[in-house]
Amino acid sequence: MSPPEIDAAVHQQLGALDAKMDRVLADQDQARADRKQQYSKLENLERRLDDVDRKSEALKSQLTQVKTTTEEIDRWKERFLGMRMLIVFVAATFGATLGAFGKWVAIKLGWSG
């Protein structure tokens, strides 16, 4: 048998070792819980990123449709500008012709000298 001092010292060391092991195991449990929480947050982030990607694709599709509509409106605007220029040209030609005809009539009738 061993002397009581050695026995007490061994028990004290075993108690300290046991306390250290308890802390190591508690740290491992905490690390496991932290990793689980991190993985959960990462999965939520991935889901949100997937949602953002889907919304981005939908927005891109809508922008393509808007661009097509805008291009069509621009074509119609150019057509209306061309029609307006044609109407102005025809009206000016008609007015000049009417003026020239009026002057010719006035000369034939002797109203102008």
PDB file of N, CA and C in Angstrom:
ATOM      1  N   MET A   1       0.821  -1.169   0.000  1.00  0.00           N
ATOM      2  CA  MET A   1       0.000   0.000   0.000  1.00  0.00           C
ATOM      3  C   MET A   1       0.868   1.236   0.000  1.00  0.00           C
ATOM      4  N   SER A   2       0.255   2.297  -0.445  1.00  0.00           N
ATOM      5  CA  SER A   2       1.025   3.530  -0.553  1.00  0.00           C
ATOM      6  C   SER A   2       0.706   4.440   0.614  1.00  0.00           C
ATOM      7  N   PRO A   3       1.605   5.336   0.900  1.00  0.00           N
ATOM      8  CA  PRO A   3       1.356   6.269   1.998  1.00  0.00           C
ATOM      9  C   PRO A   3       0.170   7.159   1.674  1.00  0.00           C
ATOM     10  N   PRO A   4      -0.537   7.656   2.692  1.00  0.00           N
ATOM     11  CA  PRO A   4      -1.737   8.452   2.482  1.00  0.00           C
ATOM     12  C   PRO A   4      -1.473   9.748   1.728  1.00  0.00           C
ATOM     13  N   GLU A   5      -0.261  10.337   1.880  1.00  0.00           N
ATOM     14  CA  GLU A   5       0.026  11.577   1.148  1.00  0.00           C
ATOM     15  C   GLU A   5       0.064  11.329  -0.359  1.00  0.00           C
ATOM     16  N   ILE A   6       0.673  10.224  -0.754  1.00  0.00           N
ATOM     17  CA  ILE A   6       0.770   9.887  -2.170  1.00  0.00           C
ATOM     18  C   ILE A   6      -0.627   9.568  -2.697  1.00  0.00           C
ATOM     19  N   ASP A   7      -1.374   8.835  -1.898  1.00  0.00           N
ATOM     20  CA  ASP A   7      -2.746   8.494  -2.275  1.00  0.00           C
ATOM     21  C   ASP A   7      -3.594   9.756  -2.469  1.00  0.00           C
ATOM     22  N   ALA A   8      -3.448  10.710  -1.566  1.00  0.00           N
ATOM     23  CA  ALA A   8      -4.205  11.967  -1.675  1.00  0.00           C
ATOM     24  C   ALA A   8      -3.750  12.766  -2.887  1.00  0.00           C
ATOM     25  N   ALA A   9      -2.438  12.767  -3.137  1.00  0.00           N
ATOM     26  CA  ALA A   9      -1.905  13.503  -4.292  1.00  0.00           C
ATOM     27  C   ALA A   9      -2.401  12.885  -5.590  1.00  0.00           C
ATOM     28  N   VAL A  10      -2.427  11.568  -5.646  1.00  0.00           N
ATOM     29  CA  VAL A  10      -2.909  10.878  -6.851  1.00  0.00           C
ATOM     30  C   VAL A  10      -4.384  11.192  -7.057  1.00  0.00           C
ATOM     31  N   HIS A  11      -5.149  11.159  -5.979  1.00  0.00           N
ATOM     32  CA  HIS A  11      -6.578  11.475  -6.094  1.00  0.00           C
ATOM     33  C   HIS A  11      -6.800  12.928  -6.535  1.00  0.00           C
ATOM     34  N   GLN A  12      -5.934  13.800  -6.009  1.00  0.00           N
ATOM     35  CA  GLN A  12      -6.052  15.207  -6.385  1.00  0.00           C
ATOM     36  C   GLN A  12      -5.737  15.381  -7.873  1.00  0.00           C
ATOM     37  N   GLN A  13      -4.672  14.712  -8.340  1.00  0.00           N
ATOM     38  CA  GLN A  13      -4.301  14.794  -9.757  1.00  0.00           C
ATOM     39  C   GLN A  13      -5.386  14.173 -10.640  1.00  0.00           C
ATOM     40  N   LEU A  14      -5.925  13.058 -10.184  1.00  0.00           N
ATOM     41  CA  LEU A  14      -7.007  12.426 -10.947  1.00  0.00           C
ATOM     42  C   LEU A  14      -8.239  13.340 -10.997  1.00  0.00           C
ATOM     43  N   GLY A  15      -8.530  14.027  -9.889  1.00  0.00           N
ATOM     44  CA  GLY A  15      -9.652  14.973  -9.873  1.00  0.00           C
ATOM     45  C   GLY A  15      -9.409  16.133 -10.830  1.00  0.00           C
ATOM     46  N   ALA A  16      -8.174  16.663 -10.837  1.00  0.00           N
ATOM     47  CA  ALA A  16      -7.833  17.765 -11.756  1.00  0.00           C
ATOM     48  C   ALA A  16      -7.916  17.283 -13.202  1.00  0.00           C
ATOM     49  N   LEU A  17      -7.426  16.075 -13.454  1.00  0.00           N
ATOM     50  CA  LEU A  17      -7.489  15.497 -14.797  1.00  0.00           C
ATOM     51  C   LEU A  17      -8.940  15.285 -15.224  1.00  0.00           C
ATOM     52  N   ASP A  18      -9.750  14.820 -14.299  1.00  0.00           N
ATOM     53  CA  ASP A  18     -11.170  14.616 -14.585  1.00  0.00           C
ATOM     54  C   ASP A  18     -11.853  15.956 -14.908  1.00  0.00           C
ATOM     55  N   ALA A  19     -11.508  17.013 -14.164  1.00  0.00           N
ATOM     56  CA  ALA A  19     -12.084  18.336 -14.416  1.00  0.00           C
ATOM     57  C   ALA A  19     -11.656  18.854 -15.788  1.00  0.00           C
ATOM     58  N   LYS A  20     -10.376  18.627 -16.132  1.00  0.00           N
ATOM     59  CA  LYS A  20      -9.887  19.050 -17.451  1.00  0.00           C
ATOM     60  C   LYS A  20     -10.612  18.296 -18.560  1.00  0.00           C
ATOM     61  N   MET A  21     -10.807  17.017 -18.384  1.00  0.00           N
ATOM     62  CA  MET A  21     -11.520  16.221 -19.389  1.00  0.00           C
ATOM     63  C   MET A  21     -12.967  16.693 -19.521  1.00  0.00           C
ATOM     64  N   ASP A  22     -13.583  17.045 -18.390  1.00  0.00           N
ATOM     65  CA  ASP A  22     -14.953  17.577 -18.444  1.00  0.00           C
ATOM     66  C   ASP A  22     -14.997  18.878 -19.258  1.00  0.00           C
ATOM     67  N   ARG A  23     -13.971  19.738 -19.049  1.00  0.00           N
ATOM     68  CA  ARG A  23     -13.913  20.988 -19.813  1.00  0.00           C
ATOM     69  C   ARG A  23     -13.691  20.721 -21.304  1.00  0.00           C
ATOM     70  N   VAL A  24     -12.808  19.759 -21.625  1.00  0.00           N
ATOM     71  CA  VAL A  24     -12.556  19.399 -23.031  1.00  0.00           C
ATOM     72  C   VAL A  24     -13.837  18.882 -23.665  1.00  0.00           C
ATOM     73  N   LEU A  25     -14.550  18.010 -22.966  1.00  0.00           N
ATOM     74  CA  LEU A  25     -15.802  17.464 -23.498  1.00  0.00           C
ATOM     75  C   LEU A  25     -16.866  18.560 -23.638  1.00  0.00           C
ATOM     76  N   ALA A  26     -16.915  19.478 -22.673  1.00  0.00           N
ATOM     77  CA  ALA A  26     -17.871  20.590 -22.764  1.00  0.00           C
ATOM     78  C   ALA A  26     -17.524  21.491 -23.954  1.00  0.00           C
ATOM     79  N   ASP A  27     -16.209  21.726 -24.149  1.00  0.00           N
ATOM     80  CA  ASP A  27     -15.775  22.529 -25.293  1.00  0.00           C
ATOM     81  C   ASP A  27     -16.143  21.842 -26.610  1.00  0.00           C
ATOM     82  N   GLN A  28     -15.976  20.522 -26.667  1.00  0.00           N
ATOM     83  CA  GLN A  28     -16.351  19.791 -27.873  1.00  0.00           C
ATOM     84  C   GLN A  28     -17.852  19.875 -28.120  1.00  0.00           C
ATOM     85  N   ASP A  29     -18.649  19.745 -27.059  1.00  0.00           N
ATOM     86  CA  ASP A  29     -20.104  19.870 -27.200  1.00  0.00           C
ATOM     87  C   ASP A  29     -20.478  21.263 -27.695  1.00  0.00           C
ATOM     88  N   GLN A  30     -19.823  22.287 -27.134  1.00  0.00           N
ATOM     89  CA  GLN A  30     -20.095  23.668 -27.552  1.00  0.00           C
ATOM     90  C   GLN A  30     -19.688  23.872 -29.011  1.00  0.00           C
ATOM     91  N   ALA A  31     -18.529  23.321 -29.382  1.00  0.00           N
ATOM     92  CA  ALA A  31     -18.063  23.447 -30.769  1.00  0.00           C
ATOM     93  C   ALA A  31     -19.041  22.748 -31.714  1.00  0.00           C
ATOM     94  N   ARG A  32     -19.540  21.586 -31.309  1.00  0.00           N
ATOM     95  CA  ARG A  32     -20.507  20.858 -32.127  1.00  0.00           C
ATOM     96  C   ARG A  32     -21.789  21.682 -32.296  1.00  0.00           C
ATOM     97  N   ALA A  33     -22.249  22.286 -31.208  1.00  0.00           N
ATOM     98  CA  ALA A  33     -23.458  23.118 -31.271  1.00  0.00           C
ATOM     99  C   ALA A  33     -23.214  24.353 -32.141  1.00  0.00           C
ATOM    100  N   ASP A  34     -22.021  24.941 -32.017  1.00  0.00           N
ATOM    101  CA  ASP A  34     -21.686  26.109 -32.847  1.00  0.00           C
ATOM    102  C   ASP A  34     -21.641  25.732 -34.323  1.00  0.00           C
ATOM    103  N   ARG A  35     -21.027  24.567 -34.634  1.00  0.00           N
ATOM    104  CA  ARG A  35     -20.981  24.121 -36.033  1.00  0.00           C
ATOM    105  C   ARG A  35     -22.386  23.880 -36.570  1.00  0.00           C
ATOM    106  N   LYS A  36     -23.230  23.269 -35.752  1.00  0.00           N
ATOM    107  CA  LYS A  36     -24.615  23.009 -36.163  1.00  0.00           C
ATOM    108  C   LYS A  36     -25.325  24.330 -36.472  1.00  0.00           C
ATOM    109  N   GLN A  37     -25.115  25.322 -35.610  1.00  0.00           N
ATOM    110  CA  GLN A  37     -25.728  26.630 -35.830  1.00  0.00           C
ATOM    111  C   GLN A  37     -25.165  27.282 -37.102  1.00  0.00           C
ATOM    112  N   GLN A  38     -23.854  27.163 -37.321  1.00  0.00           N
ATOM    113  CA  GLN A  38     -23.240  27.729 -38.524  1.00  0.00           C
ATOM    114  C   GLN A  38     -23.793  27.057 -39.785  1.00  0.00           C
ATOM    115  N   TYR A  39     -23.917  25.731 -39.746  1.00  0.00           N
ATOM    116  CA  TYR A  39     -24.472  25.017 -40.898  1.00  0.00           C
ATOM    117  C   TYR A  39     -25.913  25.441 -41.163  1.00  0.00           C
ATOM    118  N   SER A  40     -26.670  25.628 -40.100  1.00  0.00           N
ATOM    119  CA  SER A  40     -28.059  26.068 -40.246  1.00  0.00           C
ATOM    120  C   SER A  40     -28.105  27.458 -40.890  1.00  0.00           C
ATOM    121  N   LYS A  41     -27.252  28.359 -40.409  1.00  0.00           N
ATOM    122  CA  LYS A  41     -27.197  29.703 -40.985  1.00  0.00           C
ATOM    123  C   LYS A  41     -26.753  29.645 -42.449  1.00  0.00           C
ATOM    124  N   LEU A  42     -25.788  28.786 -42.745  1.00  0.00           N
ATOM    125  CA  LEU A  42     -25.302  28.641 -44.116  1.00  0.00           C
ATOM    126  C   LEU A  42     -26.408  28.120 -45.036  1.00  0.00           C
ATOM    127  N   GLU A  43     -27.189  27.158 -44.559  1.00  0.00           N
ATOM    128  CA  GLU A  43     -28.308  26.647 -45.360  1.00  0.00           C
ATOM    129  C   GLU A  43     -29.341  27.738 -45.602  1.00  0.00           C
ATOM    130  N   ASN A  44     -29.650  28.529 -44.564  1.00  0.00           N
ATOM    131  CA  ASN A  44     -30.590  29.641 -44.745  1.00  0.00           C
ATOM    132  C   ASN A  44     -30.055  30.648 -45.750  1.00  0.00           C
ATOM    133  N   LEU A  45     -28.778  30.932 -45.666  1.00  0.00           N
ATOM    134  CA  LEU A  45     -28.153  31.868 -46.604  1.00  0.00           C
ATOM    135  C   LEU A  45     -28.208  31.330 -48.030  1.00  0.00           C
ATOM    136  N   GLU A  46     -27.957  30.032 -48.190  1.00  0.00           N
ATOM    137  CA  GLU A  46     -28.019  29.423 -49.518  1.00  0.00           C
ATOM    138  C   GLU A  46     -29.442  29.485 -50.071  1.00  0.00           C
ATOM    139  N   ARG A  47     -30.441  29.238 -49.209  1.00  0.00           N
ATOM    140  CA  ARG A  47     -31.833  29.339 -49.667  1.00  0.00           C
ATOM    141  C   ARG A  47     -32.161  30.755 -50.104  1.00  0.00           C
ATOM    142  N   ARG A  48     -31.732  31.730 -49.305  1.00  0.00           N
ATOM    143  CA  ARG A  48     -31.998  33.133 -49.656  1.00  0.00           C
ATOM    144  C   ARG A  48     -31.286  33.505 -50.953  1.00  0.00           C
ATOM    145  N   LEU A  49     -30.069  33.002 -51.130  1.00  0.00           N
ATOM    146  CA  LEU A  49     -29.319  33.277 -52.355  1.00  0.00           C
ATOM    147  C   LEU A  49     -30.024  32.656 -53.558  1.00  0.00           C
ATOM    148  N   ASP A  50     -30.558  31.448 -53.372  1.00  0.00           N
ATOM    149  CA  ASP A  50     -31.330  30.820 -54.451  1.00  0.00           C
ATOM    150  C   ASP A  50     -32.566  31.654 -54.785  1.00  0.00           C
ATOM    151  N   ASP A  51     -33.239  32.169 -53.755  1.00  0.00           N
ATOM    152  CA  ASP A  51     -34.403  33.037 -53.990  1.00  0.00           C
ATOM    153  C   ASP A  51     -33.998  34.295 -54.744  1.00  0.00           C
ATOM    154  N   VAL A  52     -32.877  34.880 -54.365  1.00  0.00           N
ATOM    155  CA  VAL A  52     -32.391  36.082 -55.059  1.00  0.00           C
ATOM    156  C   VAL A  52     -32.064  35.753 -56.514  1.00  0.00           C
ATOM    157  N   ASP A  53     -31.464  34.596 -56.754  1.00  0.00           N
ATOM    158  CA  ASP A  53     -31.160  34.184 -58.127  1.00  0.00           C
ATOM    159  C   ASP A  53     -32.441  34.020 -58.946  1.00  0.00           C
ATOM    160  N   ARG A  54     -33.461  33.390 -58.352  1.00  0.00           N
ATOM    161  CA  ARG A  54     -34.728  33.215 -59.067  1.00  0.00           C
ATOM    162  C   ARG A  54     -35.369  34.566 -59.365  1.00  0.00           C
ATOM    163  N   LYS A  55     -35.372  35.438 -58.371  1.00  0.00           N
ATOM    164  CA  LYS A  55     -35.948  36.767 -58.584  1.00  0.00           C
ATOM    165  C   LYS A  55     -35.160  37.545 -59.627  1.00  0.00           C
ATOM    166  N   SER A  56     -33.857  37.374 -59.619  1.00  0.00           N
ATOM    167  CA  SER A  56     -33.009  38.047 -60.604  1.00  0.00           C
ATOM    168  C   SER A  56     -33.333  37.557 -62.013  1.00  0.00           C
ATOM    169  N   GLU A  57     -33.519  36.252 -62.160  1.00  0.00           N
ATOM    170  CA  GLU A  57     -33.875  35.704 -63.473  1.00  0.00           C
ATOM    171  C   GLU A  57     -35.240  36.220 -63.923  1.00  0.00           C
ATOM    172  N   ALA A  58     -36.194  36.269 -62.987  1.00  0.00           N
ATOM    173  CA  ALA A  58     -37.525  36.788 -63.332  1.00  0.00           C
ATOM    174  C   ALA A  58     -37.433  38.253 -63.733  1.00  0.00           C
ATOM    175  N   LEU A  59     -36.640  39.014 -63.008  1.00  0.00           N
ATOM    176  CA  LEU A  59     -36.462  40.429 -63.324  1.00  0.00           C
ATOM    177  C   LEU A  59     -35.787  40.596 -64.682  1.00  0.00           C
ATOM    178  N   LYS A  60     -34.822  39.747 -64.968  1.00  0.00           N
ATOM    179  CA  LYS A  60     -34.135  39.798 -66.264  1.00  0.00           C
ATOM    180  C   LYS A  60     -35.131  39.515 -67.388  1.00  0.00           C
ATOM    181  N   SER A  61     -36.007  38.543 -67.176  1.00  0.00           N
ATOM    182  CA  SER A  61     -37.028  38.213 -68.171  1.00  0.00           C
ATOM    183  C   SER A  61     -37.975  39.392 -68.375  1.00  0.00           C
ATOM    184  N   GLN A  62     -38.396  40.021 -67.275  1.00  0.00           N
ATOM    185  CA  GLN A  62     -39.285  41.181 -67.384  1.00  0.00           C
ATOM    186  C   GLN A  62     -38.591  42.335 -68.096  1.00  0.00           C
ATOM    187  N   LEU A  63     -37.324  42.545 -67.805  1.00  0.00           N
ATOM    188  CA  LEU A  63     -36.584  43.619 -68.470  1.00  0.00           C
ATOM    189  C   LEU A  63     -36.460  43.358 -69.968  1.00  0.00           C
ATOM    190  N   THR A  64     -36.307  42.106 -70.340  1.00  0.00           N
ATOM    191  CA  THR A  64     -36.252  41.763 -71.760  1.00  0.00           C
ATOM    192  C   THR A  64     -37.577  42.103 -72.425  1.00  0.00           C
ATOM    193  N   GLN A  65     -38.692  41.793 -71.757  1.00  0.00           N
ATOM    194  CA  GLN A  65     -40.002  42.125 -72.301  1.00  0.00           C
ATOM    195  C   GLN A  65     -40.186  43.627 -72.393  1.00  0.00           C
ATOM    196  N   VAL A  66     -39.751  44.346 -71.371  1.00  0.00           N
ATOM    197  CA  VAL A  66     -39.869  45.807 -71.383  1.00  0.00           C
ATOM    198  C   VAL A  66     -39.015  46.392 -72.500  1.00  0.00           C
ATOM    199  N   LYS A  67     -37.828  45.830 -72.692  1.00  0.00           N
ATOM    200  CA  LYS A  67     -36.946  46.314 -73.758  1.00  0.00           C
ATOM    201  C   LYS A  67     -37.600  46.104 -75.118  1.00  0.00           C
ATOM    202  N   THR A  68     -38.215  44.953 -75.307  1.00  0.00           N
ATOM    203  CA  THR A  68     -38.909  44.679 -76.566  1.00  0.00           C
ATOM    204  C   THR A  68     -40.044  45.678 -76.771  1.00  0.00           C
ATOM    205  N   THR A  69     -40.817  45.928 -75.726  1.00  0.00           N
ATOM    206  CA  THR A  69     -41.923  46.882 -75.809  1.00  0.00           C
ATOM    207  C   THR A  69     -41.405  48.284 -76.090  1.00  0.00           C
ATOM    208  N   THR A  70     -40.337  48.664 -75.428  1.00  0.00           N
ATOM    209  CA  THR A  70     -39.757  49.991 -75.628  1.00  0.00           C
ATOM    210  C   THR A  70     -39.249  50.143 -77.061  1.00  0.00           C
ATOM    211  N   GLU A  71     -38.632  49.107 -77.591  1.00  0.00           N
ATOM    212  CA  GLU A  71     -38.163  49.169 -78.981  1.00  0.00           C
ATOM    213  C   GLU A  71     -39.343  49.331 -79.938  1.00  0.00           C
ATOM    214  N   GLU A  72     -40.429  48.621 -79.652  1.00  0.00           N
ATOM    215  CA  GLU A  72     -41.625  48.748 -80.496  1.00  0.00           C
ATOM    216  C   GLU A  72     -42.188  50.168 -80.411  1.00  0.00           C
ATOM    217  N   ILE A  73     -42.240  50.725 -79.217  1.00  0.00           N
ATOM    218  CA  ILE A  73     -42.735  52.104 -79.049  1.00  0.00           C
ATOM    219  C   ILE A  73     -41.829  53.077 -79.802  1.00  0.00           C
ATOM    220  N   ASP A  74     -40.526  52.859 -79.738  1.00  0.00           N
ATOM    221  CA  ASP A  74     -39.596  53.725 -80.477  1.00  0.00           C
ATOM    222  C   ASP A  74     -39.828  53.632 -81.975  1.00  0.00           C
ATOM    223  N   ARG A  75     -40.100  52.429 -82.479  1.00  0.00           N
ATOM    224  CA  ARG A  75     -40.384  52.286 -83.923  1.00  0.00           C
ATOM    225  C   ARG A  75     -41.654  53.056 -84.295  1.00  0.00           C
ATOM    226  N   TRP A  76     -42.701  52.923 -83.453  1.00  0.00           N
ATOM    227  CA  TRP A  76     -43.939  53.646 -83.735  1.00  0.00           C
ATOM    228  C   TRP A  76     -43.718  55.156 -83.658  1.00  0.00           C
ATOM    229  N   LYS A  77     -42.903  55.594 -82.723  1.00  0.00           N
ATOM    230  CA  LYS A  77     -42.594  57.021 -82.593  1.00  0.00           C
ATOM    231  C   LYS A  77     -41.906  57.525 -83.858  1.00  0.00           C
ATOM    232  N   GLU A  78     -40.953  56.755 -84.376  1.00  0.00           N
ATOM    233  CA  GLU A  78     -40.282  57.141 -85.616  1.00  0.00           C
ATOM    234  C   GLU A  78     -41.276  57.181 -86.777  1.00  0.00           C
ATOM    235  N   ARG A  79     -42.186  56.221 -86.811  1.00  0.00           N
ATOM    236  CA  ARG A  79     -43.197  56.214 -87.879  1.00  0.00           C
ATOM    237  C   ARG A  79     -44.085  57.451 -87.786  1.00  0.00           C
ATOM    238  N   PHE A  80     -44.522  57.791 -86.585  1.00  0.00           N
ATOM    239  CA  PHE A  80     -45.379  58.966 -86.416  1.00  0.00           C
ATOM    240  C   PHE A  80     -44.627  60.246 -86.773  1.00  0.00           C
ATOM    241  N   LEU A  81     -43.353  60.309 -86.429  1.00  0.00           N
ATOM    242  CA  LEU A  81     -42.569  61.485 -86.830  1.00  0.00           C
ATOM    243  C   LEU A  81     -42.480  61.574 -88.347  1.00  0.00           C
ATOM    244  N   GLY A  82     -42.260  60.452 -88.993  1.00  0.00           N
ATOM    245  CA  GLY A  82     -42.210  60.433 -90.459  1.00  0.00           C
ATOM    246  C   GLY A  82     -43.546  60.836 -91.063  1.00  0.00           C
ATOM    247  N   MET A  83     -44.648  60.315 -90.483  1.00  0.00           N
ATOM    248  CA  MET A  83     -45.979  60.678 -90.995  1.00  0.00           C
ATOM    249  C   MET A  83     -46.234  62.169 -90.798  1.00  0.00           C
ATOM    250  N   ARG A  84     -45.805  62.703 -89.667  1.00  0.00           N
ATOM    251  CA  ARG A  84     -46.007  64.129 -89.409  1.00  0.00           C
ATOM    252  C   ARG A  84     -45.212  64.972 -90.401  1.00  0.00           C
ATOM    253  N   MET A  85     -44.003  64.547 -90.664  1.00  0.00           N
ATOM    254  CA  MET A  85     -43.201  65.285 -91.662  1.00  0.00           C
ATOM    255  C   MET A  85     -43.856  65.205 -93.042  1.00  0.00           C
ATOM    256  N   LEU A  86     -44.396  64.044 -93.389  1.00  0.00           N
ATOM    257  CA  LEU A  86     -45.065  63.896 -94.667  1.00  0.00           C
ATOM    258  C   LEU A  86     -46.302  64.783 -94.740  1.00  0.00           C
ATOM    259  N   ILE A  87     -47.080  64.840 -93.645  1.00  0.00           N
ATOM    260  CA  ILE A  87     -48.283  65.685 -93.613  1.00  0.00           C
ATOM    261  C   ILE A  87     -47.898  67.153 -93.760  1.00  0.00           C
ATOM    262  N   VAL A  88     -46.837  67.572 -93.058  1.00  0.00           N
ATOM    263  CA  VAL A  88     -46.383  68.961 -93.172  1.00  0.00           C
ATOM    264  C   VAL A  88     -45.933  69.248 -94.600  1.00  0.00           C
ATOM    265  N   PHE A  89     -45.211  68.330 -95.206  1.00  0.00           N
ATOM    266  CA  PHE A  89     -44.749  68.521 -96.582  1.00  0.00           C
ATOM    267  C   PHE A  89     -45.935  68.603 -97.546  1.00  0.00           C
ATOM    268  N   VAL A  90     -46.904  67.697 -97.383  1.00  0.00           N
ATOM    269  CA  VAL A  90     -48.082  67.705 -98.255  1.00  0.00           C
ATOM    270  C   VAL A  90     -48.884  68.994 -98.043  1.00  0.00           C
ATOM    271  N   ALA A  91     -49.045  69.423 -96.792  1.00  0.00           N
ATOM    272  CA  ALA A  91     -49.789  70.653 -96.521  1.00  0.00           C
ATOM    273  C   ALA A  91     -49.064  71.859 -97.115  1.00  0.00           C
ATOM    274  N   ALA A  92     -47.744  71.892 -96.973  1.00  0.00           N
ATOM    275  CA  ALA A  92     -46.978  73.007 -97.546  1.00  0.00           C
ATOM    276  C   ALA A  92     -47.093  73.007 -99.065  1.00  0.00           C
ATOM    277  N   THR A  93     -47.004  71.844 -99.667  1.00  0.00           N
ATOM    278  CA  THR A  93     -47.134  71.742-101.122  1.00  0.00           C
ATOM    279  C   THR A  93     -48.534  72.175-101.563  1.00  0.00           C
ATOM    280  N   PHE A  94     -49.551  71.702-100.820  1.00  0.00           N
ATOM    281  CA  PHE A  94     -50.927  72.071-101.137  1.00  0.00           C
ATOM    282  C   PHE A  94     -51.122  73.580-101.005  1.00  0.00           C
ATOM    283  N   GLY A  95     -50.586  74.161 -99.920  1.00  0.00           N
ATOM    284  CA  GLY A  95     -50.694  75.602 -99.709  1.00  0.00           C
ATOM    285  C   GLY A  95     -49.999  76.391-100.800  1.00  0.00           C
ATOM    286  N   ALA A  96     -48.795  75.947-101.191  1.00  0.00           N
ATOM    287  CA  ALA A  96     -48.062  76.638-102.267  1.00  0.00           C
ATOM    288  C   ALA A  96     -48.814  76.521-103.583  1.00  0.00           C
ATOM    289  N   THR A  97     -49.360  75.329-103.833  1.00  0.00           N
ATOM    290  CA  THR A  97     -50.123  75.130-105.071  1.00  0.00           C
ATOM    291  C   THR A  97     -51.376  75.991-105.066  1.00  0.00           C
ATOM    292  N   LEU A  98     -52.065  76.009-103.932  1.00  0.00           N
ATOM    293  CA  LEU A  98     -53.270  76.824-103.819  1.00  0.00           C
ATOM    294  C   LEU A  98     -52.940  78.311-103.998  1.00  0.00           C
ATOM    295  N   GLY A  99     -51.836  78.744-103.391  1.00  0.00           N
ATOM    296  CA  GLY A  99     -51.418  80.144-103.542  1.00  0.00           C
ATOM    297  C   GLY A  99     -51.084  80.478-104.983  1.00  0.00           C
ATOM    298  N   ALA A 100     -50.346  79.581-105.639  1.00  0.00           N
ATOM    299  CA  ALA A 100     -49.977  79.816-107.035  1.00  0.00           C
ATOM    300  C   ALA A 100     -51.218  79.819-107.920  1.00  0.00           C
ATOM    301  N   PHE A 101     -52.159  78.893-107.660  1.00  0.00           N
ATOM    302  CA  PHE A 101     -53.399  78.846-108.434  1.00  0.00           C
ATOM    303  C   PHE A 101     -54.222  80.114-108.203  1.00  0.00           C
ATOM    304  N   GLY A 102     -54.285  80.555-106.927  1.00  0.00           N
ATOM    305  CA  GLY A 102     -55.020  81.782-106.604  1.00  0.00           C
ATOM    306  C   GLY A 102     -54.423  82.982-107.315  1.00  0.00           C
ATOM    307  N   LYS A 103     -53.113  83.059-107.361  1.00  0.00           N
ATOM    308  CA  LYS A 103     -52.440  84.168-108.048  1.00  0.00           C
ATOM    309  C   LYS A 103     -52.715  84.094-109.549  1.00  0.00           C
ATOM    310  N   TRP A 104     -52.704  82.917-110.099  1.00  0.00           N
ATOM    311  CA  TRP A 104     -52.968  82.732-111.521  1.00  0.00           C
ATOM    312  C   TRP A 104     -54.391  83.166-111.850  1.00  0.00           C
ATOM    313  N   VAL A 105     -55.358  82.761-110.987  1.00  0.00           N
ATOM    314  CA  VAL A 105     -56.749  83.137-111.179  1.00  0.00           C
ATOM    315  C   VAL A 105     -56.897  84.652-111.076  1.00  0.00           C
ATOM    316  N   ALA A 106     -56.222  85.237-110.089  1.00  0.00           N
ATOM    317  CA  ALA A 106     -56.306  86.681-109.907  1.00  0.00           C
ATOM    318  C   ALA A 106     -55.738  87.430-111.110  1.00  0.00           C
ATOM    319  N   ILE A 107     -54.658  86.920-111.666  1.00  0.00           N
ATOM    320  CA  ILE A 107     -54.073  87.545-112.857  1.00  0.00           C
ATOM    321  C   ILE A 107     -55.039  87.404-114.047  1.00  0.00           C
ATOM    322  N   LYS A 108     -55.628  86.236-114.216  1.00  0.00           N
ATOM    323  CA  LYS A 108     -56.547  85.990-115.331  1.00  0.00           C
ATOM    324  C   LYS A 108     -57.803  86.878-115.195  1.00  0.00           C
ATOM    325  N   LEU A 109     -58.250  87.100-113.973  1.00  0.00           N
ATOM    326  CA  LEU A 109     -59.431  87.927-113.769  1.00  0.00           C
ATOM    327  C   LEU A 109     -59.087  89.423-113.734  1.00  0.00           C
ATOM    328  N   GLY A 110     -57.836  89.736-113.742  1.00  0.00           N
ATOM    329  CA  GLY A 110     -57.424  91.118-113.762  1.00  0.00           C
ATOM    330  C   GLY A 110     -57.454  91.791-112.411  1.00  0.00           C
ATOM    331  N   TRP A 111     -57.451  91.037-111.346  1.00  0.00           N
ATOM    332  CA  TRP A 111     -57.493  91.634-109.994  1.00  0.00           C
ATOM    333  C   TRP A 111     -56.115  92.049-109.540  1.00  0.00           C
ATOM    334  N   SER A 112     -55.104  91.572-110.147  1.00  0.00           N
ATOM    335  CA  SER A 112     -53.759  91.883-109.676  1.00  0.00           C
ATOM    336  C   SER A 112     -52.985  92.445-110.840  1.00  0.00           C
ATOM    337  N   GLY A 113     -52.098  93.320-110.533  1.00  0.00           N
ATOM    338  CA  GLY A 113     -51.485  94.049-111.573  1.00  0.00           C
ATOM    339  C   GLY A 113     -50.134  93.732-111.910  1.00  0.00           C
TER     340      GLY A 113
END
